[in-house]
Protein backbone atom coordinates (compact mmCIF):
# COMPACT_ATOMS: atom_id res chain seq x y z
CA MET A 1 118.22 163.96 35.89
CA ALA A 2 116.46 161.09 33.85
CA GLU A 3 118.23 158.57 35.24
CA SER A 4 117.43 159.18 39.03
CA PRO A 5 115.02 156.50 40.51
CA TYR A 6 112.99 159.49 41.74
CA ILE A 7 111.96 161.05 38.83
CA VAL A 8 109.77 159.95 35.95
CA GLU A 9 108.70 161.72 32.69
CA VAL A 10 105.10 161.54 32.30
CA THR A 11 103.25 160.82 29.18
CA LYS A 12 99.61 159.89 28.17
CA GLU A 13 100.71 156.20 28.20
CA ASN A 14 102.10 156.03 31.94
CA PHE A 15 99.73 158.93 33.20
CA GLU A 16 97.54 156.40 34.89
CA ALA A 17 100.32 154.30 36.45
CA VAL A 18 102.55 157.35 37.75
CA ILE A 19 99.98 159.80 39.16
CA LEU A 20 97.00 157.62 39.84
CA HIS A 21 98.25 154.11 40.83
CA GLY A 22 101.99 155.27 41.88
CA SER A 23 100.14 158.50 44.23
CA MET A 24 98.17 155.84 46.10
CA GLN A 25 101.37 154.77 47.46
CA THR A 26 103.98 157.62 47.30
CA PRO A 27 103.55 161.14 47.35
CA ILE A 28 103.88 162.57 43.32
CA LEU A 29 104.97 166.39 42.93
CA VAL A 30 103.92 167.04 39.37
CA ASP A 31 105.80 169.74 37.71
CA PHE A 32 104.56 171.09 34.53
CA TRP A 33 106.49 172.74 32.31
CA ALA A 34 107.37 173.87 28.42
CA ASP A 35 111.03 174.48 26.94
CA TRP A 36 109.99 177.93 26.26
CA CYS A 37 109.24 179.15 29.73
CA GLN A 38 112.08 180.34 31.90
CA PRO A 39 110.86 180.30 35.53
CA CYS A 40 110.78 176.37 34.13
CA GLN A 41 113.84 176.22 33.20
CA THR A 42 115.04 177.58 37.28
CA LEU A 43 112.72 175.37 38.76
CA MET A 44 113.72 172.49 37.54
CA PRO A 45 117.15 172.01 39.03
CA ILE A 46 115.82 172.66 42.30
CA LEU A 47 113.36 170.18 41.91
CA ALA A 48 115.25 167.43 40.90
CA LYS A 49 117.90 167.79 43.68
CA LEU A 50 115.19 168.42 46.30
CA ALA A 51 113.91 164.74 44.85
CA ASP A 52 117.32 163.15 45.04
CA GLU A 53 117.78 164.70 48.61
CA TYR A 54 114.53 163.43 49.64
CA GLN A 55 115.30 160.15 48.78
CA GLY A 56 112.05 158.83 47.85
CA ALA A 57 109.51 160.67 50.52
CA PHE A 58 108.29 161.73 46.89
CA ILE A 59 108.48 161.08 43.12
CA LEU A 60 108.71 164.01 41.10
CA ALA A 61 107.06 163.44 37.88
CA LYS A 62 107.70 165.98 34.87
CA VAL A 63 104.80 167.01 32.47
CA ASP A 64 105.93 169.08 28.86
CA THR A 65 103.02 170.77 28.32
CA GLU A 66 103.67 170.95 24.84
CA ALA A 67 104.11 167.49 24.39
CA GLU A 68 101.10 166.50 26.81
CA GLN A 69 98.43 169.15 25.66
CA GLU A 70 95.64 166.33 26.96
CA ILE A 71 97.16 166.41 30.54
CA ALA A 72 97.34 169.79 30.85
CA ALA A 73 93.86 170.18 30.22
CA GLN A 74 92.75 167.92 31.61
CA LEU A 75 94.43 169.59 35.16
CA GLY A 76 93.33 172.56 34.25
CA ILE A 77 96.98 173.84 33.70
CA ARG A 78 96.58 177.87 33.07
CA SER A 79 100.76 179.25 34.08
CA LEU A 80 103.90 177.61 33.85
CA PRO A 81 105.55 176.39 35.74
CA THR A 82 102.94 174.74 37.86
CA VAL A 83 103.58 172.36 40.54
CA LYS A 84 100.80 169.81 42.02
CA LEU A 85 101.42 167.85 44.99
CA ILE A 86 99.30 164.47 44.83
CA HIS A 87 98.44 161.70 47.03
CA GLN A 88 95.91 159.15 47.06
CA GLY A 89 94.92 160.54 43.83
CA ALA A 90 93.97 163.72 45.45
CA VAL A 91 95.63 167.09 44.83
CA LEU A 92 97.23 167.99 48.40
CA ASP A 93 98.50 171.45 47.30
CA GLU A 94 100.19 173.50 44.52
CA PHE A 95 102.03 176.06 43.35
CA THR A 96 102.88 178.49 40.45
CA GLY A 97 106.15 180.13 39.32
CA ALA A 98 109.51 179.41 40.33
CA LEU A 99 109.69 179.40 44.08
CA PRO A 100 113.26 179.68 45.64
CA GLU A 101 114.60 176.38 47.09
CA SER A 102 113.86 177.42 50.67
CA ASP A 103 110.15 177.67 49.64
CA VAL A 104 109.93 174.71 48.20
CA ARG A 105 111.44 172.59 50.51
CA ALA A 106 108.99 174.38 53.29
CA PHE A 107 106.16 173.26 50.67
CA LEU A 108 107.34 169.70 50.74
CA ASP A 109 108.16 169.66 54.57
CA LYS A 110 103.98 170.98 55.26
CA HIS A 111 102.67 167.43 53.52
CA LEU A 112 105.65 164.91 53.64
CA GLN A 113 106.49 163.24 56.57
CA ALA A 114 110.03 162.16 57.70
CA ALA A 115 111.02 164.71 54.95
CA PRO A 116 114.86 166.00 55.68
CA SER A 117 114.44 169.85 56.57
CA ALA A 118 118.23 170.09 55.81
CA PRO A 119 120.48 168.66 53.49
CA GLY A 120 122.29 165.56 55.42
CA GLU A 121 124.07 162.05 54.59
CA PRO A 122 120.99 160.24 52.79
CA GLU A 123 119.85 157.14 54.40
CA GLN A 124 120.07 153.43 52.44
CA THR A 125 116.34 153.12 50.95
CA SER A 126 114.52 150.84 52.59
CA PRO A 127 112.84 148.07 50.87
CA ILE A 128 109.30 149.44 51.00
CA ASP A 129 110.11 152.85 49.84
CA LEU A 130 112.38 150.92 46.73
CA ALA A 131 109.24 149.19 45.91
CA ASN A 132 106.84 152.53 45.98
CA GLN A 133 109.25 154.27 43.82
CA LEU A 134 109.49 151.22 40.91
CA HIS A 135 105.26 151.23 41.36
CA ALA A 136 105.20 155.17 40.86
CA THR A 137 107.39 154.45 37.31
CA GLY A 138 105.21 151.55 36.29
CA ASP A 139 107.42 148.55 37.26
CA THR A 140 105.11 147.27 39.24
CA GLU A 141 106.30 143.20 38.95
CA GLN A 142 109.20 144.50 40.06
CA ALA A 143 108.36 146.49 43.17
CA MET A 144 106.35 143.73 44.16
CA ALA A 145 109.41 141.16 43.49
CA VAL A 146 111.28 143.61 46.12
CA LEU A 147 108.26 143.37 48.87
CA ARG A 148 108.39 139.58 48.27
CA GLU A 149 111.96 139.20 48.72
CA ALA A 150 111.72 141.38 52.13
CA GLN A 151 109.14 139.50 53.14
CA ALA A 152 110.82 136.07 53.20
CA GLN A 153 114.06 137.86 54.84
CA ASP A 154 111.56 138.99 57.51
CA PRO A 155 108.25 137.10 57.80
CA ALA A 156 107.03 139.21 60.90
CA ASN A 157 107.70 142.60 59.49
CA GLY A 158 104.18 143.96 59.08
CA ASP A 159 104.94 146.87 57.33
CA VAL A 160 106.50 144.92 54.81
CA ALA A 161 103.19 142.88 54.33
CA ILE A 162 100.97 146.02 54.55
CA ALA A 163 102.63 147.38 51.23
CA LEU A 164 102.98 144.18 49.32
CA GLY A 165 99.36 143.74 50.11
CA LYS A 166 98.16 146.95 48.99
CA MET A 167 100.34 146.34 45.90
CA CYS A 168 98.45 143.66 45.71
CA VAL A 169 95.17 145.35 45.44
CA ALA A 170 96.54 147.66 42.63
CA THR A 171 97.36 144.28 40.49
CA GLY A 172 94.11 142.87 41.02
CA GLN A 173 95.60 139.80 43.39
CA TYR A 174 93.16 140.27 46.12
CA ASP A 175 93.36 136.64 47.87
CA ASP A 176 97.41 137.10 47.93
CA ALA A 177 95.92 140.88 49.41
CA ARG A 178 93.96 139.07 52.13
CA GLN A 179 96.57 136.46 53.17
CA CYS A 180 98.93 139.91 53.75
CA LEU A 181 95.86 141.20 55.94
CA SER A 182 96.18 137.52 57.78
CA ILE A 183 99.28 137.52 59.12
CA LEU A 184 99.61 140.75 60.90
CA SER A 185 100.23 140.96 64.35
CA GLU A 186 97.47 142.49 66.47
CA GLU A 187 99.25 145.69 66.90
CA ASP A 188 99.98 145.76 63.11
CA ALA A 189 96.57 145.50 62.50
CA LYS A 190 95.70 148.14 64.29
CA LYS A 191 98.00 150.56 61.90
CA THR A 192 96.77 153.16 59.91
CA GLU A 193 98.03 151.87 56.91
CA ALA A 194 96.49 148.62 57.63
CA GLY A 195 93.15 150.22 57.54
CA MET A 196 93.24 151.58 54.21
CA LEU A 197 94.29 148.37 52.89
CA ARG A 198 91.10 146.88 54.54
CA GLY A 199 89.57 150.12 52.86
CA MET A 200 90.85 148.66 49.48
CA LEU A 201 90.06 145.02 49.78
CA THR A 202 85.98 146.36 51.09
CA LEU A 203 85.73 148.20 48.24
CA SER A 204 87.24 145.79 45.94
CA ASP A 205 84.92 142.73 47.40
CA ALA A 206 81.78 145.37 46.14
CA ASP A 207 83.00 146.07 42.78
CA ASP A 208 81.10 144.64 39.95
CA ALA A 209 83.48 143.53 37.48
CA THR A 210 80.49 142.81 34.83
CA THR A 211 79.81 146.37 34.34
CA ASP A 212 82.15 149.48 33.71
CA GLU A 213 82.48 153.20 34.99
CA ALA A 214 81.97 154.83 31.33
CA SER A 215 78.35 152.59 31.35
CA LEU A 216 77.18 152.87 34.51
CA ALA A 217 78.02 157.11 34.46
CA SER A 218 75.60 157.16 31.31
CA GLN A 219 73.12 155.39 32.97
CA LEU A 220 73.08 158.20 35.79
CA GLN A 221 73.52 160.91 33.42
CA GLN A 222 69.89 159.33 31.74
CA ASP A 223 68.52 158.61 34.95
CA GLY A 224 69.65 160.87 38.20
CA ASN A 225 67.84 159.09 40.54
CA ASN A 226 69.40 155.50 39.25
CA SER A 227 70.69 154.21 43.00
CA GLU A 228 71.85 151.22 41.71
CA ALA A 229 73.96 153.00 38.93
CA ALA A 230 75.47 155.62 41.52
CA TYR A 231 76.74 153.03 44.18
CA LYS A 232 78.47 151.27 41.72
CA LEU A 233 79.78 154.27 40.03
CA GLY A 234 80.97 155.41 43.34
CA ILE A 235 82.82 152.25 44.32
CA LYS A 236 85.09 152.26 40.76
CA GLN A 237 85.52 155.51 41.28
CA ALA A 238 87.01 155.31 44.48
CA LEU A 239 88.89 152.04 42.93
CA ARG A 240 90.78 154.51 40.26
CA GLY A 241 92.23 156.47 42.36
CA ASP A 242 89.63 159.36 41.91
CA THR A 243 88.33 159.48 45.72
CA ASP A 244 87.06 163.21 45.91
CA THR A 245 84.41 162.44 42.62
CA ALA A 246 83.79 159.18 44.73
CA ILE A 247 82.84 160.46 47.72
CA THR A 248 80.67 163.04 46.05
CA THR A 249 78.74 160.38 43.94
CA LEU A 250 77.93 158.23 47.07
CA LEU A 251 77.03 161.29 49.29
CA GLY A 252 74.56 162.38 47.15
CA LEU A 253 73.22 158.83 46.75
CA MET A 254 72.98 158.78 50.42
CA GLN A 255 71.02 162.24 50.25
CA ARG A 256 68.80 160.67 47.70
CA ASP A 257 67.92 157.02 48.98
CA ARG A 258 69.42 156.29 52.38
CA GLU A 259 67.72 152.59 52.16
CA PHE A 260 69.38 151.56 48.95
CA GLY A 261 71.33 148.49 49.38
CA ASP A 262 70.78 148.25 53.29
CA ASP A 263 72.71 151.63 53.28
CA GLY A 264 75.35 151.15 51.42
CA ALA A 265 76.42 154.10 50.37
CA ARG A 266 76.96 154.87 53.81
CA LYS A 267 79.00 151.58 54.41
CA THR A 268 81.15 152.24 51.21
CA LEU A 269 81.87 155.71 52.15
CA LEU A 270 83.07 154.53 55.69
CA SER A 271 85.43 151.86 53.76
CA ILE A 272 86.68 154.62 51.61
CA PHE A 273 87.61 157.08 54.77
CA GLU A 274 89.50 153.83 56.10
CA MET A 275 91.34 153.70 52.79
CA LEU A 276 92.24 157.24 52.52
CA GLY A 277 93.90 156.83 56.07
CA ASP A 278 95.28 160.24 57.41
CA ASP A 279 93.90 162.47 54.46
CA PRO A 280 93.32 165.80 55.94
CA SER A 281 90.78 165.44 53.21
CA VAL A 282 88.61 162.49 55.63
CA GLY A 283 87.72 165.06 58.21
CA ALA A 284 85.99 167.62 56.21
CA TYR A 285 84.08 164.32 54.36
CA ARG A 286 82.65 162.63 57.79
CA ARG A 287 81.49 165.88 58.86
CA LYS A 288 79.45 166.38 55.78
CA MET A 289 77.99 162.87 55.90
CA PHE A 290 77.21 163.25 59.52
CA ALA A 291 74.99 166.35 58.69
CA TYR A 292 73.39 164.39 55.51
CA LEU A 293 72.82 161.69 58.54
CA HIS A 294 70.80 164.22 60.85
């Protein structure tokens, strides 16, 4: 099971790479388990089977709660097994207990696009899927090599260019990411994924590299009306993948100080919404922003 390219063991050391960064590219199904938990042992082979069957539509991330108590506490795990589906840094859905395979499949199909509804012949993994799997398991260097090779073989493939651009943003190679955007056709530039890449780059451009998130959070805690700290903090939270917290921070700033940074909070929220693409939470946040504006 551990040898599957679609399954990864999560530890404190790779948590950020797998869960936070990895979920920006591919949905991550996080299984919280323990050796003493009999329902966990029942559920495990079902999840592993579906991870292989779905051929990269999601990555199964396994968290041994006995060995990784800090992670379990951080994510509020109170019963086992607990399974959370995380995408774009946010929890889309979750369930507890050892569900039968049909129920787990229904859970996945509700959220995953192009997921098979029944077993069949596995399709060949595309370069983009392979790169996302490598990135989700922390091998970003190899992931980018796969995408660059695919781009060399098919320079006009906009999907490859977008995937490579998003990977470049994740590794701080912003000029390369902009180059990926610049070569897109007019049709490809209109795709949701291209908009997500533009949103990432807009946030990256606005990020203040001279300060860190902890310092900004401390400043805001000391002075809740510190608009500059709130603005910079919201950007860093979004870039880290904690978009729910970032949106809350920026909505608060917009409500308190609409004029700060030439309406900076609202503009940054729009970039985050673009970065989130078709995430179902965007509609609710847009309505909340509209209510604040009016």
